[in-house]
Protein backbone atom coordinates (compact mmCIF):
# COMPACT_ATOMS: atom_id res chain seq x y z
CA MET A 1 -0.02 0.01 0.19
CA SER A 2 1.45 3.42 -0.90
CA ARG A 3 1.67 6.33 2.15
CA GLY A 4 -0.70 8.06 0.57
CA ALA A 5 -3.32 4.96 0.43
CA ALA A 6 -2.39 4.03 4.06
CA VAL A 7 -3.43 7.91 5.03
CA ALA A 8 -6.62 7.71 3.09
CA ALA A 9 -7.85 4.07 4.85
CA CYS A 10 -6.42 4.88 8.30
CA VAL A 11 -8.43 8.54 7.91
CA LEU A 12 -11.51 7.33 6.04
CA LEU A 13 -12.04 4.08 8.40
CA GLY A 14 -11.74 6.02 11.43
CA ALA A 15 -8.65 4.57 12.73
CA CYS A 16 -6.97 8.13 12.88
CA ALA A 17 -9.99 9.69 14.60
CA SER A 18 -9.75 11.41 17.86
CA GLY A 19 -10.77 9.26 20.67
CA GLY A 20 -14.12 9.70 22.55
CA ARG A 21 -16.27 9.44 19.37
CA PRO A 22 -19.56 8.06 19.92
CA ALA A 23 -20.43 4.40 18.94
CA PRO A 24 -22.17 3.94 15.28
CA ALA A 25 -26.05 5.02 15.78
CA GLU A 26 -28.25 1.73 16.55
CA THR A 27 -30.13 0.73 13.13
CA LEU A 28 -33.40 3.46 12.67
CA GLN A 29 -36.66 3.10 10.98
CA GLY A 30 -36.66 4.82 7.71
CA TYR A 31 -38.83 8.18 6.73
CA LEU A 32 -41.04 6.16 4.43
CA ASP A 33 -43.66 3.74 4.90
CA ALA A 34 -44.05 0.31 3.59
CA SER A 35 -46.63 1.92 0.59
CA ALA A 36 -44.13 4.77 -0.32
CA ILE A 37 -41.50 2.08 -0.54
CA ARG A 38 -43.51 -0.29 -2.69
CA SER A 39 -44.51 2.46 -5.00
CA LEU A 40 -40.72 3.51 -5.39
CA ALA A 41 -40.22 -0.28 -6.51
CA ASP A 42 -43.06 -0.48 -8.94
CA ALA A 43 -41.61 2.52 -10.53
CA ALA A 44 -38.00 1.17 -10.84
CA PRO A 45 -36.49 0.18 -14.03
CA ALA A 46 -35.80 -3.03 -15.12
CA PRO A 47 -32.20 -4.13 -14.61
CA ALA A 48 -29.88 -3.41 -16.91
CA PRO A 49 -27.99 -6.11 -18.76
CA TRP A 50 -24.68 -7.25 -17.12
CA SER A 51 -21.65 -9.25 -18.50
CA HIS A 52 -18.76 -10.95 -16.45
CA SER A 53 -16.39 -8.55 -18.19
CA ASP A 54 -17.86 -5.48 -16.83
CA VAL A 55 -15.67 -5.37 -13.45
CA PRO A 56 -13.96 -2.29 -13.20
CA PRO A 57 -10.26 -2.15 -14.34
CA THR A 58 -9.29 -1.01 -11.00
CA GLU A 59 -6.36 -3.06 -9.00
CA PRO A 60 -6.32 -4.39 -5.27
CA GLY A 61 -3.74 -1.98 -3.45
CA THR A 62 -4.32 1.10 -5.57
CA ASP A 63 -5.66 4.50 -3.90
CA ARG A 64 -8.98 4.06 -5.34
CA TRP A 65 -9.47 0.26 -3.94
CA TRP A 66 -8.39 1.29 -0.64
CA MET A 67 -10.76 4.50 -0.99
CA ALA A 68 -13.60 1.56 -1.97
CA THR A 69 -12.48 -0.20 1.45
CA ALA A 70 -13.37 2.74 3.25
CA HIS A 71 -16.71 3.32 1.81
CA ALA A 72 -18.10 -0.16 2.63
CA GLN A 73 -18.50 1.91 5.99
CA LEU A 74 -21.65 3.21 5.43
CA ALA A 75 -23.62 3.89 8.58
CA ALA A 76 -23.42 7.74 10.20
CA PRO A 77 -21.30 8.90 11.98
CA ASP A 78 -18.36 7.27 10.26
CA GLY A 79 -20.28 7.52 6.59
CA ALA A 80 -20.51 11.52 7.12
CA GLN A 81 -16.85 11.42 6.91
CA HIS A 82 -16.81 10.32 3.02
CA PHE A 83 -17.98 14.17 2.59
CA ASP A 84 -15.49 15.43 4.50
CA CYS A 85 -13.48 16.64 1.40
CA ALA A 86 -16.23 17.67 -0.57
CA LEU A 87 -17.87 20.08 1.94
CA GLY A 88 -14.36 21.12 3.97
CA ALA A 89 -15.27 19.77 7.03
CA ARG A 90 -14.05 16.91 9.71
CA PHE A 91 -17.99 15.81 10.42
CA ALA A 92 -16.62 12.94 12.69
CA GLN A 93 -14.62 15.27 15.32
CA GLN A 94 -17.46 15.55 17.28
CA PRO A 95 -21.37 14.38 17.83
CA ARG A 96 -23.65 15.42 14.89
CA PRO A 97 -26.48 13.84 16.33
CA ALA A 98 -29.05 15.28 13.58
CA LEU A 99 -26.84 14.71 10.47
CA SER A 100 -26.32 11.04 11.70
CA ARG A 101 -29.70 10.41 12.29
CA LEU A 102 -30.84 11.93 8.62
CA MET A 103 -27.99 10.01 7.30
CA ASN A 104 -29.06 6.74 9.27
CA ARG A 105 -32.70 7.12 8.35
CA LEU A 106 -32.10 7.61 4.51
CA LEU A 107 -29.71 4.49 4.96
CA SER A 108 -32.80 2.48 6.38
CA ASP A 109 -35.12 3.62 3.40
CA ALA A 110 -32.11 3.04 0.83
CA ASP A 111 -32.04 -0.68 2.38
CA SER A 112 -35.79 -1.40 2.34
CA LEU A 113 -36.16 -0.47 -1.15
CA THR A 114 -32.94 -2.41 -2.12
CA ARG A 115 -34.37 -5.36 -0.49
CA LEU A 116 -37.65 -5.57 -2.06
CA LEU A 117 -36.22 -4.95 -5.41
CA ALA A 118 -33.59 -7.68 -4.63
CA GLU A 119 -36.20 -10.10 -4.10
CA ARG A 120 -37.95 -9.38 -7.28
CA SER A 121 -35.01 -9.68 -9.59
CA PRO A 122 -32.22 -11.39 -7.70
CA ARG A 123 -28.65 -11.27 -9.45
CA PRO A 124 -25.50 -12.91 -7.78
CA ARG A 125 -22.35 -10.56 -7.04
CA PRO A 126 -19.61 -10.64 -9.13
CA ILE A 127 -17.54 -12.24 -6.15
CA LYS A 128 -19.67 -15.11 -6.61
CA ALA A 129 -20.19 -15.36 -10.14
CA ILE A 130 -16.43 -15.33 -10.96
CA ALA A 131 -14.48 -17.45 -8.93
CA GLY A 132 -11.18 -16.00 -7.46
CA LEU A 133 -12.57 -12.51 -7.48
CA GLU A 134 -11.20 -10.43 -4.63
CA PRO A 135 -13.44 -8.03 -2.58
CA CYS A 136 -11.87 -5.09 -1.11
CA GLN A 137 -13.71 -5.76 2.38
CA ARG A 138 -14.02 -8.66 4.56
CA VAL A 139 -17.21 -10.60 3.68
CA ASN A 140 -19.15 -13.39 5.08
CA ASP A 141 -21.36 -16.30 3.55
CA ALA A 142 -24.64 -14.15 3.76
CA MET A 143 -22.73 -10.95 1.93
CA ARG A 144 -21.03 -13.14 -0.95
CA GLU A 145 -24.52 -15.01 -1.65
CA GLY A 146 -26.49 -11.58 -1.19
CA PRO A 147 -27.96 -10.05 -4.49
CA SER A 148 -26.15 -7.82 -6.40
CA TRP A 149 -29.20 -5.71 -7.99
CA PRO A 150 -29.84 -2.91 -7.26
CA ALA A 151 -26.44 -1.83 -5.50
CA GLY A 152 -27.49 -0.65 -2.14
CA GLY A 153 -24.50 1.50 -1.61
CA ALA A 154 -25.24 3.24 -4.62
CA VAL A 155 -28.78 4.21 -3.83
CA ALA A 156 -27.54 5.47 -0.01
CA GLY A 157 -24.82 7.44 -1.86
CA ALA A 158 -26.90 9.11 -4.48
CA ALA A 159 -29.31 10.13 -1.92
CA TRP A 160 -27.01 11.49 0.35
CA GLY A 161 -25.06 13.17 -2.36
CA GLU A 162 -28.51 15.14 -2.92
CA MET A 163 -28.80 15.68 0.91
CA PHE A 164 -25.41 17.06 1.14
CA ALA A 165 -26.13 19.41 -1.81
CA ALA A 166 -29.31 20.53 -0.29
CA LEU A 167 -27.45 21.16 2.90
CA ALA A 168 -24.45 23.04 1.79
CA PRO A 169 -25.52 24.34 -2.09
CA ASP A 170 -22.10 26.09 -2.53
CA ARG A 171 -20.86 22.57 -2.42
CA ALA A 172 -23.46 20.93 -4.46
CA ALA A 173 -21.58 19.43 -7.42
CA GLU A 174 -18.68 18.21 -5.26
CA ALA A 175 -21.61 16.73 -2.70
CA ARG A 176 -23.32 14.62 -5.56
CA ARG A 177 -19.88 13.52 -7.06
CA MET A 178 -18.90 11.97 -3.71
CA GLY A 179 -22.41 10.43 -3.73
CA ARG A 180 -21.68 8.80 -7.11
CA GLU A 181 -18.18 7.80 -5.93
CA ILE A 182 -19.68 5.86 -2.71
CA GLY A 183 -21.65 3.86 -5.12
CA LEU A 184 -18.70 3.26 -7.84
CA SER A 185 -16.89 2.04 -4.89
CA ARG A 186 -19.23 -0.89 -4.58
CA ALA A 187 -18.33 -1.92 -8.35
CA ILE A 188 -14.73 -1.16 -7.66
CA CYS A 189 -14.96 -3.74 -4.65
CA ARG A 190 -16.56 -6.37 -6.57
CA MET A 191 -19.70 -6.13 -4.09
CA ASN A 192 -22.03 -5.07 -7.45
CA TRP A 193 -22.01 -4.87 -11.18
CA PRO A 194 -21.39 -1.33 -12.59
CA ALA A 195 -24.95 -1.68 -14.31
CA ASP A 196 -26.41 -2.33 -10.85
CA VAL A 197 -24.47 0.70 -9.30
CA ALA A 198 -26.15 2.82 -12.27
CA ASP A 199 -29.57 1.81 -11.44
CA GLY A 200 -29.02 2.03 -7.89
CA ALA A 201 -27.78 5.76 -8.45
CA VAL A 202 -31.11 6.60 -10.03
CA LEU A 203 -33.42 4.90 -7.38
CA GLY A 204 -31.45 7.15 -4.90
CA GLN A 205 -32.22 10.14 -6.40
CA ARG A 206 -35.76 9.17 -6.52
CA LEU A 207 -35.84 7.90 -3.17
CA ILE A 208 -34.61 11.70 -1.93
CA ALA A 209 -36.87 13.28 -3.95
CA ALA A 210 -39.77 11.12 -2.28
CA GLU A 211 -38.79 12.40 1.04
CA THR A 212 -40.98 14.67 2.39
CA SER A 213 -42.43 13.96 5.59
CA PRO A 214 -42.04 16.61 8.29
CA ALA A 215 -39.72 14.74 10.29
CA PHE A 216 -37.56 14.43 7.24
CA ALA A 217 -37.57 18.20 6.71
CA ALA A 218 -37.44 18.76 10.69
CA ASP A 219 -34.11 16.60 10.53
CA LEU A 220 -32.69 18.17 7.37
CA GLU A 221 -33.13 21.79 9.10
CA ALA A 222 -31.64 20.59 12.27
CA ALA A 223 -28.65 19.01 10.08
CA ARG A 224 -28.33 22.24 8.19
CA ALA A 225 -27.06 24.06 11.42
CA GLU A 226 -25.06 20.96 12.47
CA VAL A 227 -23.22 21.18 8.79
CA ALA A 228 -22.59 24.78 8.88
CA ALA A 229 -21.07 24.63 12.56
CA ALA A 230 -19.02 22.03 10.96
CA ARG A 231 -17.49 23.77 8.34
CA ALA A 232 -16.95 27.04 10.51
CA GLU A 233 -14.90 25.01 12.83
CA GLY A 234 -11.98 25.29 10.03
CA LEU A 235 -11.09 21.59 10.31
CA THR A 236 -10.05 19.39 7.18
CA ASN A 237 -9.60 16.26 6.92
CA PRO A 238 -6.15 15.03 6.57
CA GLY A 239 -6.91 12.23 4.01
CA CYS A 240 -8.36 14.76 1.57
CA ALA A 241 -4.84 14.72 -0.69
CA ALA A 242 -4.80 11.06 -1.12
CA GLU A 243 -8.37 10.96 -1.82
CA ARG A 244 -7.75 13.69 -4.87
CA ARG A 245 -5.16 11.09 -5.97
CA ALA A 246 -7.55 8.19 -5.78
CA LEU A 247 -10.17 9.93 -7.86
CA ALA A 248 -7.42 10.79 -10.26
CA GLN A 249 -6.46 7.58 -10.56
CA VAL A 250 -9.97 6.29 -11.84
CA ALA A 251 -10.70 9.71 -13.94
CA GLN A 252 -7.05 8.68 -15.93
CA ALA A 253 -8.11 5.02 -16.16
CA GLY A 254 -11.40 5.44 -17.13
CA ARG A 255 -14.78 4.79 -15.35
CA GLY A 256 -15.53 1.34 -16.86
CA ALA A 257 -19.25 0.70 -17.07
CA VAL A 258 -20.25 2.90 -14.79
CA SER A 259 -22.10 6.16 -16.00
CA GLU A 260 -23.70 9.29 -14.56
CA PRO A 261 -27.55 8.82 -13.82
């Protein structure tokens, strides 16, 4: 692993975080009820075609590979760190309860939608379909046997990208890009096919558009104040230089079969 990759993995995975951080929040119920989730699922596009040749070319041990490893941790508060560099803040430096609640309830909605669609159109993961393919994270049998479509990380990433774009409009483009990168990481990690990531990104945008409840609006406003406070602290994530190198690697190599929705 390069020194830059080591720094990125250490910082983004939380190994270099300061002491006294809160434990990850327990699983929260989403904002949407079962009827709303079914409506989103019924309107979802049909799964896009896929091929064994679609695995992204990013090799294990590269900066972007280690970034994908970090992105495997989705739940807040750790998941908020993925947007540190996009917004120029250090979100895990201290508790941000409203932001964590907002992210984790959106993650719960993304998980509910993903599970429902996966039951309708099961598809094997790359690490299941291709013998010997190395994932970027530890996997158990249940994860290996789990469905690939749609990519749940891409659903959550796209929804969070739109969420952070609303919380920090001056960094909207950067927030949306990071949301897409979180989804792309699932393909780089060999956990989802690129076509499943692309479909997941579309679903994530539709999911956030459906979040119209008073509870969501209240959490969004509370999180807006926390994000503004975090940015005003003037702290930056020391892994940002490594993150820029990782993203530049992918830009130079091409983005495989994943396209922006």
